[in-house]
């Protein structure tokens, strides 16, 4: 019995899709590494420019983290003797105001 002519074409299409995905994975990884390096640079700049004021550093850390995680919102809290202290929050203004209160 002869093989169906559509089966080899389907197999070729599947192989082509897989090859395209495999080829884009290294580029995706490079893009991710560049984004991470940019985030590290931003945080280091904040540290260098605000050695005595922690708020800009907290803001840079949270901005970078929410961007890298592709998150809609985020918060940064410090664990202290009295409990958690909110030091930075990003996201929907209504949710942010609820989080701060």
C-alpha atoms as a PDB file:
ATOM      1  CA  UNK A   1       0.000   0.000   0.000  1.00  0.00           C
ATOM      2  CA  UNK A   2       1.358   3.440  -0.932  1.00  0.00           C
ATOM      3  CA  UNK A   3       1.638   6.133   1.747  1.00  0.00           C
ATOM      4  CA  UNK A   4      -0.846   8.956   1.665  1.00  0.00           C
ATOM      5  CA  UNK A   5       0.592  12.014  -0.111  1.00  0.00           C
ATOM      6  CA  UNK A   6      -0.641  14.333   2.669  1.00  0.00           C
ATOM      7  CA  UNK A   7       1.205  12.494   5.418  1.00  0.00           C
ATOM      8  CA  UNK A   8       4.727  13.396   4.255  1.00  0.00           C
ATOM      9  CA  UNK A   9       3.652  17.029   3.768  1.00  0.00           C
ATOM     10  CA  UNK A  10       2.208  17.126   7.306  1.00  0.00           C
ATOM     11  CA  UNK A  11       5.423  15.663   8.650  1.00  0.00           C
ATOM     12  CA  UNK A  12       7.468  18.284   6.770  1.00  0.00           C
ATOM     13  CA  UNK A  13       5.229  21.071   8.124  1.00  0.00           C
ATOM     14  CA  UNK A  14       5.639  19.786  11.688  1.00  0.00           C
ATOM     15  CA  UNK A  15       9.401  19.546  11.280  1.00  0.00           C
ATOM     16  CA  UNK A  16       9.481  23.085   9.864  1.00  0.00           C
ATOM     17  CA  UNK A  17       7.500  24.472  12.796  1.00  0.00           C
ATOM     18  CA  UNK A  18       9.716  22.651  15.294  1.00  0.00           C
ATOM     19  CA  UNK A  19      12.889  23.862  13.550  1.00  0.00           C
ATOM     20  CA  UNK A  20      11.616  27.453  13.659  1.00  0.00           C
ATOM     21  CA  UNK A  21      10.874  27.198  17.370  1.00  0.00           C
ATOM     22  CA  UNK A  22      14.273  25.643  18.109  1.00  0.00           C
ATOM     23  CA  UNK A  23      16.003  28.350  16.069  1.00  0.00           C
ATOM     24  CA  UNK A  24      14.231  31.140  17.978  1.00  0.00           C
ATOM     25  CA  UNK A  25      15.059  29.738  21.444  1.00  0.00           C
ATOM     26  CA  UNK A  26      18.682  30.975  21.449  1.00  0.00           C
ATOM     27  CA  UNK A  27      17.514  34.440  20.319  1.00  0.00           C
ATOM     28  CA  UNK A  28      14.857  34.470  23.066  1.00  0.00           C
ATOM     29  CA  UNK A  29      17.526  33.569  25.619  1.00  0.00           C
ATOM     30  CA  UNK A  30      19.837  36.332  24.371  1.00  0.00           C
ATOM     31  CA  UNK A  31      16.976  38.844  24.593  1.00  0.00           C
ATOM     32  CA  UNK A  32      16.202  37.710  28.144  1.00  0.00           C
ATOM     33  CA  UNK A  33      19.857  38.055  29.172  1.00  0.00           C
ATOM     34  CA  UNK A  34      20.034  41.562  27.709  1.00  0.00           C
ATOM     35  CA  UNK A  35      16.886  42.537  29.631  1.00  0.00           C
ATOM     36  CA  UNK A  36      18.397  41.134  32.847  1.00  0.00           C
ATOM     37  CA  UNK A  37      21.660  42.999  32.317  1.00  0.00           C
ATOM     38  CA  UNK A  38      19.747  46.242  31.702  1.00  0.00           C
ATOM     39  CA  UNK A  39      17.793  45.704  34.942  1.00  0.00           C
ATOM     40  CA  UNK A  40      21.002  45.093  36.892  1.00  0.00           C
ATOM     41  CA  UNK A  41      22.518  48.258  35.412  1.00  0.00           C
ATOM     42  CA  UNK A  42      19.458  50.302  36.423  1.00  0.00           C
ATOM     43  CA  UNK A  43      19.624  49.045  40.005  1.00  0.00           C
ATOM     44  CA  UNK A  44      23.381  49.674  40.196  1.00  0.00           C
ATOM     45  CA  UNK A  45      22.860  53.220  38.855  1.00  0.00           C
ATOM     46  CA  UNK A  46      20.226  53.819  41.540  1.00  0.00           C
ATOM     47  CA  UNK A  47      22.643  52.561  44.214  1.00  0.00           C
ATOM     48  CA  UNK A  48      25.459  54.760  42.914  1.00  0.00           C
ATOM     49  CA  UNK A  49      23.320  57.880  42.682  1.00  0.00           C
ATOM     50  CA  UNK A  50      21.497  57.434  46.005  1.00  0.00           C
ATOM     51  CA  UNK A  51      23.956  55.962  48.503  1.00  0.00           C
ATOM     52  CA  UNK A  52      22.104  57.452  51.504  1.00  0.00           C
ATOM     53  CA  UNK A  53      18.506  57.270  50.251  1.00  0.00           C
ATOM     54  CA  UNK A  54      17.113  53.761  49.914  1.00  0.00           C
ATOM     55  CA  UNK A  55      13.785  54.682  48.295  1.00  0.00           C
ATOM     56  CA  UNK A  56      15.157  55.169  44.746  1.00  0.00           C
ATOM     57  CA  UNK A  57      16.934  51.831  45.091  1.00  0.00           C
ATOM     58  CA  UNK A  58      13.747  50.061  46.214  1.00  0.00           C
ATOM     59  CA  UNK A  59      11.892  51.684  43.318  1.00  0.00           C
ATOM     60  CA  UNK A  60      14.512  50.564  40.785  1.00  0.00           C
ATOM     61  CA  UNK A  61      14.480  47.010  42.155  1.00  0.00           C
ATOM     62  CA  UNK A  62      10.694  46.774  41.948  1.00  0.00           C
ATOM     63  CA  UNK A  63      10.503  48.430  38.522  1.00  0.00           C
ATOM     64  CA  UNK A  64      13.055  45.956  37.173  1.00  0.00           C
ATOM     65  CA  UNK A  65      11.405  42.954  38.815  1.00  0.00           C
ATOM     66  CA  UNK A  66       7.905  43.747  37.527  1.00  0.00           C
ATOM     67  CA  UNK A  67       9.265  44.398  34.029  1.00  0.00           C
ATOM     68  CA  UNK A  68      11.355  41.200  33.939  1.00  0.00           C
ATOM     69  CA  UNK A  69       8.476  39.130  35.276  1.00  0.00           C
ATOM     70  CA  UNK A  70       6.037  40.870  32.928  1.00  0.00           C
ATOM     71  CA  UNK A  71       3.848  41.431  35.973  1.00  0.00           C
ATOM     72  CA  UNK A  72       0.913  43.810  36.138  1.00  0.00           C
ATOM     73  CA  UNK A  73       1.723  44.745  39.704  1.00  0.00           C
ATOM     74  CA  UNK A  74       4.242  44.119  42.433  1.00  0.00           C
ATOM     75  CA  UNK A  75       5.254  45.106  45.915  1.00  0.00           C
ATOM     76  CA  UNK A  76       8.495  45.138  47.832  1.00  0.00           C
ATOM     77  CA  UNK A  77       8.353  44.635  51.578  1.00  0.00           C
ATOM     78  CA  UNK A  78      11.100  44.526  54.147  1.00  0.00           C
ATOM     79  CA  UNK A  79      10.990  42.002  56.943  1.00  0.00           C
ATOM     80  CA  UNK A  80      11.733  43.863  60.142  1.00  0.00           C
ATOM     81  CA  UNK A  81      11.477  43.158  63.836  1.00  0.00           C
ATOM     82  CA  UNK A  82       7.956  44.642  63.955  1.00  0.00           C
ATOM     83  CA  UNK A  83       6.837  42.747  60.836  1.00  0.00           C
ATOM     84  CA  UNK A  84       6.676  43.535  57.148  1.00  0.00           C
ATOM     85  CA  UNK A  85       7.079  47.105  55.934  1.00  0.00           C
ATOM     86  CA  UNK A  86       5.897  48.080  52.466  1.00  0.00           C
ATOM     87  CA  UNK A  87       8.660  50.071  50.760  1.00  0.00           C
ATOM     88  CA  UNK A  88       7.509  50.084  47.122  1.00  0.00           C
ATOM     89  CA  UNK A  89       4.421  49.116  45.156  1.00  0.00           C
ATOM     90  CA  UNK A  90       3.560  49.250  41.443  1.00  0.00           C
ATOM     91  CA  UNK A  91       0.392  48.552  39.520  1.00  0.00           C
ATOM     92  CA  UNK A  92      -3.192  49.692  39.127  1.00  0.00           C
ATOM     93  CA  UNK A  93      -3.625  52.948  41.075  1.00  0.00           C
ATOM     94  CA  UNK A  94      -6.758  51.686  42.878  1.00  0.00           C
ATOM     95  CA  UNK A  95      -5.044  48.465  43.961  1.00  0.00           C
ATOM     96  CA  UNK A  96      -1.918  50.404  44.960  1.00  0.00           C
ATOM     97  CA  UNK A  97      -3.980  52.744  47.175  1.00  0.00           C
ATOM     98  CA  UNK A  98      -5.670  49.721  48.795  1.00  0.00           C
ATOM     99  CA  UNK A  99      -2.294  48.061  49.366  1.00  0.00           C
ATOM    100  CA  UNK A 100      -0.833  51.161  51.020  1.00  0.00           C
ATOM    101  CA  UNK A 101      -3.751  51.576  53.461  1.00  0.00           C
END
